Amino acid sequence: MAVLKNAIKSFDPAPDKKNEIEQVLSLLFELAESKTENFKKEIAQSLRTAGTEENPTVPITQVLRYQSDTRAYTSEDSTKILTEATTAIKGFVSGGSENIINGIGSLLSTGVNALLGSGFGIQAEREDYFVAVEGLSIIRVDVKSWIRKVEVQGISKRIESIFAFVAAKSSVNVDKISFNTFLQAYMYQLERVKLPQAELIAEINNAKEVYNLLKTSDVVAINPKLESVVTMFPSGSIG
């Protein structure tokens, strides 16, 4: 598998079909690039309305980072696209628990596998979002993926499909959600890795501590004697 632009540059068609195939490859590249740009806009729009009645997903305070990529591969490379796509997304939450990183990777692999299993001559898209504890922060990761199967004589033996994805990492606005709401989204990843009960409780307790640390609503009180702000952090136990 290769980055799409490099794959196109390395392609060496037969002389009699050179112009035709080069035009098709250029169109495929432009289509993949267009998809990534549209995905960025769509994710940005979705994040702007997150937490509202029209879009009741976990709200954010700010987008921290985008990552996008386009790839070309044959059927023999299909496992590589899973590895590289999941590795790229895992890098977004490098400061998080290994259990959660593996959970996100597993869920993302399932989604990419569904795209890879789509039929020839069609294109398919998938959208996912996850929440995770990353060190002392809580983040949201949005992923949009797209695949187009290539069925053009003279190309499909070398390039069977093209794949594009965009990921966005954002900071979660914990003041706009309850811990229970956050936990409902968080459990999506936790359940995927099938942790023993003791480890599951430890992950939830850690998430509760980070959530309480970040939450500003109802945790700040004024001590009139000291005339200062005193921040009170609740217990890290489940509750």
Protein backbone atom coordinates (compact mmCIF):
# COMPACT_ATOMS: atom_id res chain seq x y z
CA MET A 1 0.00 0.00 0.00
CA ALA A 2 1.19 3.50 -0.74
CA VAL A 3 0.08 7.04 -0.21
CA LEU A 4 -2.27 7.67 -3.11
CA LYS A 5 -0.25 10.39 -4.83
CA ASN A 6 2.92 8.28 -4.74
CA ALA A 7 1.05 5.24 -6.03
CA ILE A 8 -0.20 7.23 -8.99
CA LYS A 9 3.28 8.57 -9.77
CA SER A 10 4.76 5.06 -9.73
CA PHE A 11 2.12 3.64 -12.04
CA ASP A 12 3.49 2.73 -15.49
CA PRO A 13 0.66 1.81 -17.87
CA ALA A 14 1.03 0.36 -21.35
CA PRO A 15 1.87 3.07 -23.94
CA ASP A 16 -1.40 2.72 -25.84
CA LYS A 17 -3.45 3.34 -22.71
CA LYS A 18 -1.10 5.74 -20.97
CA ASN A 19 -3.13 8.94 -21.41
CA GLU A 20 -6.45 7.32 -20.60
CA ILE A 21 -5.18 5.65 -17.43
CA GLU A 22 -3.30 8.72 -16.25
CA GLN A 23 -6.49 10.75 -16.56
CA VAL A 24 -8.44 8.19 -14.53
CA LEU A 25 -5.75 8.08 -11.85
CA SER A 26 -5.67 11.86 -11.62
CA LEU A 27 -9.44 11.93 -11.22
CA LEU A 28 -9.24 9.31 -8.47
CA PHE A 29 -6.61 11.35 -6.65
CA GLU A 30 -8.67 14.53 -6.95
CA LEU A 31 -11.76 12.68 -5.73
CA ALA A 32 -9.92 11.35 -2.66
CA GLU A 33 -8.49 14.78 -1.87
CA SER A 34 -11.93 16.32 -2.27
CA LYS A 35 -13.35 13.76 0.13
CA THR A 36 -10.83 14.63 2.84
CA GLU A 37 -11.58 18.36 2.50
CA ASN A 38 -15.33 17.73 2.66
CA PHE A 39 -14.87 15.47 5.68
CA LYS A 40 -13.04 18.26 7.53
CA LYS A 41 -15.92 20.65 6.86
CA GLU A 42 -18.53 18.08 7.86
CA ILE A 43 -16.73 17.23 11.10
CA ALA A 44 -16.29 20.93 11.92
CA GLN A 45 -20.02 21.53 11.37
CA SER A 46 -20.97 18.54 13.50
CA LEU A 47 -18.71 19.68 16.33
CA ARG A 48 -20.18 23.19 16.23
CA THR A 49 -23.65 21.82 16.96
CA ALA A 50 -22.60 18.99 19.32
CA GLY A 51 -24.60 18.96 22.53
CA THR A 52 -27.67 20.60 21.02
CA GLU A 53 -31.12 19.12 20.46
CA GLU A 54 -30.40 18.63 16.77
CA ASN A 55 -27.07 16.93 17.49
CA PRO A 56 -27.14 15.28 20.94
CA THR A 57 -23.53 14.07 20.88
CA VAL A 58 -20.82 14.94 23.41
CA PRO A 59 -20.07 18.71 23.19
CA ILE A 60 -16.57 20.15 22.88
CA THR A 61 -14.74 23.34 23.74
CA GLN A 62 -12.15 23.36 20.95
CA VAL A 63 -10.79 21.32 18.05
CA LEU A 64 -7.18 20.48 18.87
CA ARG A 65 -5.93 18.70 15.79
CA TYR A 66 -6.88 17.26 12.40
CA GLN A 67 -5.23 14.40 10.59
CA SER A 68 -6.03 13.17 7.09
CA ASP A 69 -4.61 10.65 4.64
CA THR A 70 -5.35 9.04 1.29
CA ARG A 71 -4.16 5.58 0.31
CA ALA A 72 -4.14 3.22 -2.65
CA TYR A 73 -3.92 -0.53 -2.22
CA THR A 74 -4.63 -3.95 -3.69
CA SER A 75 -6.45 -6.82 -2.01
CA GLU A 76 -3.11 -8.17 -0.78
CA ASP A 77 -2.58 -4.95 1.18
CA SER A 78 -5.98 -4.84 2.86
CA THR A 79 -4.60 -5.79 6.28
CA LYS A 80 -2.05 -2.98 6.04
CA ILE A 81 -4.73 -0.35 5.66
CA LEU A 82 -6.30 -1.52 8.91
CA THR A 83 -2.97 -1.42 10.72
CA GLU A 84 -1.95 1.99 9.42
CA ALA A 85 -5.34 3.63 9.89
CA THR A 86 -5.72 2.38 13.45
CA THR A 87 -2.11 3.29 14.29
CA ALA A 88 -2.73 6.84 13.06
CA ILE A 89 -5.83 7.22 15.23
CA LYS A 90 -4.18 5.63 18.25
CA GLY A 91 -1.51 8.32 17.96
CA PHE A 92 -4.24 10.85 18.71
CA VAL A 93 -4.70 9.44 22.20
CA SER A 94 -1.12 8.47 22.95
CA GLY A 95 -1.40 9.77 26.50
CA GLY A 96 -4.41 7.64 27.29
CA SER A 97 -4.84 4.22 28.84
CA GLU A 98 -3.62 1.34 26.71
CA ASN A 99 -6.96 -0.38 27.28
CA ILE A 100 -8.87 2.58 25.85
CA ILE A 101 -6.46 3.00 22.95
CA ASN A 102 -6.92 -0.68 22.08
CA GLY A 103 -10.69 -0.29 22.38
CA ILE A 104 -10.75 2.60 19.93
CA GLY A 105 -8.43 0.72 17.59
CA SER A 106 -10.71 -2.32 17.67
CA LEU A 107 -13.82 -0.27 16.95
CA LEU A 108 -12.08 1.59 14.14
CA SER A 109 -10.86 -1.69 12.62
CA THR A 110 -14.43 -2.97 12.59
CA GLY A 111 -15.55 0.14 10.72
CA VAL A 112 -12.73 0.01 8.17
CA ASN A 113 -13.34 -3.71 7.65
CA ALA A 114 -16.95 -2.93 6.80
CA LEU A 115 -15.77 -0.47 4.15
CA LEU A 116 -13.26 -2.96 2.74
CA GLY A 117 -16.01 -5.53 2.38
CA SER A 118 -18.10 -3.31 0.12
CA GLY A 119 -18.59 -4.48 -3.48
CA PHE A 120 -16.69 -3.53 -6.60
CA GLY A 121 -17.52 -0.42 -8.56
CA ILE A 122 -19.04 1.38 -5.58
CA GLN A 123 -18.00 3.86 -2.95
CA ALA A 124 -18.86 3.79 0.73
CA GLU A 125 -18.45 6.08 3.73
CA ARG A 126 -18.41 5.59 7.49
CA GLU A 127 -18.56 7.99 10.42
CA ASP A 128 -17.51 7.27 14.02
CA TYR A 129 -16.74 9.23 17.15
CA PHE A 130 -15.20 8.24 20.46
CA VAL A 131 -14.44 9.83 23.82
CA ALA A 132 -11.36 9.01 25.86
CA VAL A 133 -9.33 10.04 28.88
CA GLU A 134 -5.94 11.31 27.75
CA GLY A 135 -3.72 11.96 30.74
CA LEU A 136 -5.52 14.71 32.68
CA SER A 137 -7.87 15.64 29.86
CA ILE A 138 -10.99 14.23 28.24
CA ILE A 139 -11.05 14.23 24.46
CA ARG A 140 -13.40 13.42 21.62
CA VAL A 141 -12.11 11.80 18.43
CA ASP A 142 -14.19 12.01 15.24
CA VAL A 143 -13.33 9.83 12.26
CA LYS A 144 -14.75 9.86 8.74
CA SER A 145 -13.65 7.18 6.27
CA TRP A 146 -14.31 6.65 2.58
CA ILE A 147 -13.41 3.90 0.13
CA ARG A 148 -13.82 3.65 -3.64
CA LYS A 149 -13.34 0.35 -5.42
CA VAL A 150 -11.55 0.69 -8.76
CA GLU A 151 -12.82 -1.36 -11.68
CA VAL A 152 -10.94 0.04 -14.66
CA GLN A 153 -9.09 -2.28 -17.02
CA GLY A 154 -5.36 -1.68 -16.81
CA ILE A 155 -5.57 -0.18 -13.30
CA SER A 156 -7.32 -2.66 -11.03
CA LYS A 157 -4.44 -5.16 -11.11
CA ARG A 158 -2.19 -2.56 -9.52
CA ILE A 159 -4.67 -0.40 -7.62
CA GLU A 160 -7.83 -2.11 -6.46
CA SER A 161 -9.17 0.54 -4.11
CA ILE A 162 -8.53 4.02 -2.81
CA PHE A 163 -9.13 4.95 0.80
CA ALA A 164 -9.34 8.29 2.55
CA PHE A 165 -9.92 9.25 6.13
CA VAL A 166 -9.99 12.32 8.33
CA ALA A 167 -9.74 12.39 12.11
CA ALA A 168 -10.32 15.32 14.45
CA LYS A 169 -9.30 15.50 18.09
CA SER A 170 -11.23 17.87 20.35
CA SER A 171 -11.40 18.73 24.04
CA VAL A 172 -14.70 17.72 25.66
CA ASN A 173 -16.77 20.39 27.40
CA VAL A 174 -17.36 18.57 30.69
CA ASP A 175 -19.41 21.47 32.06
CA LYS A 176 -22.17 20.70 29.57
CA ILE A 177 -22.54 17.00 30.32
CA SER A 178 -23.06 14.90 33.43
CA PHE A 179 -20.60 12.19 34.33
CA ASN A 180 -23.25 9.60 33.55
CA THR A 181 -23.61 11.00 30.01
CA PHE A 182 -19.85 10.91 29.55
CA LEU A 183 -19.67 7.38 30.94
CA GLN A 184 -22.31 6.14 28.52
CA ALA A 185 -20.11 7.20 25.62
CA TYR A 186 -16.91 6.05 27.33
CA MET A 187 -18.28 2.55 28.00
CA TYR A 188 -18.52 2.06 24.24
CA GLN A 189 -14.74 1.63 24.20
CA LEU A 190 -14.43 -0.05 27.61
CA GLU A 191 -16.84 -2.83 26.69
CA ARG A 192 -14.93 -3.52 23.51
CA VAL A 193 -11.76 -4.69 25.29
CA LYS A 194 -13.68 -6.93 27.73
CA LEU A 195 -11.74 -5.94 30.84
CA PRO A 196 -11.89 -7.93 34.08
CA GLN A 197 -14.21 -6.24 36.58
CA ALA A 198 -11.38 -4.90 38.75
CA GLU A 199 -9.68 -3.22 35.76
CA LEU A 200 -12.99 -1.90 34.48
CA ILE A 201 -13.72 -0.24 37.83
CA ALA A 202 -10.19 1.19 37.92
CA GLU A 203 -10.69 2.75 34.47
CA ILE A 204 -14.04 4.24 35.50
CA ASN A 205 -12.61 5.63 38.74
CA ASN A 206 -9.74 7.22 36.85
CA ALA A 207 -12.20 8.76 34.39
CA LYS A 208 -14.31 10.10 37.29
CA GLU A 209 -11.26 11.74 38.90
CA VAL A 210 -10.26 13.44 35.64
CA TYR A 211 -13.85 14.51 34.98
CA ASN A 212 -14.16 16.06 38.45
CA LEU A 213 -10.79 17.76 38.08
CA LEU A 214 -11.86 19.45 34.86
CA LYS A 215 -15.42 20.34 35.78
CA THR A 216 -15.82 23.93 36.95
CA SER A 217 -19.58 24.13 37.47
CA ASP A 218 -20.63 23.69 41.10
CA VAL A 219 -17.07 22.92 42.30
CA VAL A 220 -15.81 26.41 43.09
CA ALA A 221 -16.79 28.19 46.32
CA ILE A 222 -15.73 31.44 47.95
CA ASN A 223 -14.34 31.29 51.48
CA PRO A 224 -15.44 34.65 52.92
CA LYS A 225 -12.87 34.53 55.73
CA LEU A 226 -9.92 34.06 53.39
CA GLU A 227 -11.57 36.11 50.61
CA SER A 228 -10.13 33.64 48.13
CA VAL A 229 -11.35 31.01 45.73
CA VAL A 230 -11.28 27.47 47.06
CA THR A 231 -11.67 24.63 44.59
CA MET A 232 -13.18 21.47 45.98
CA PHE A 233 -12.61 18.22 44.10
CA PRO A 234 -15.09 15.41 44.82
CA SER A 235 -13.98 11.89 45.59
CA GLY A 236 -12.74 9.73 42.75
CA SER A 237 -15.02 6.82 43.64
CA ILE A 238 -17.91 5.81 41.41
CA GLY A 239 -21.10 7.68 42.13
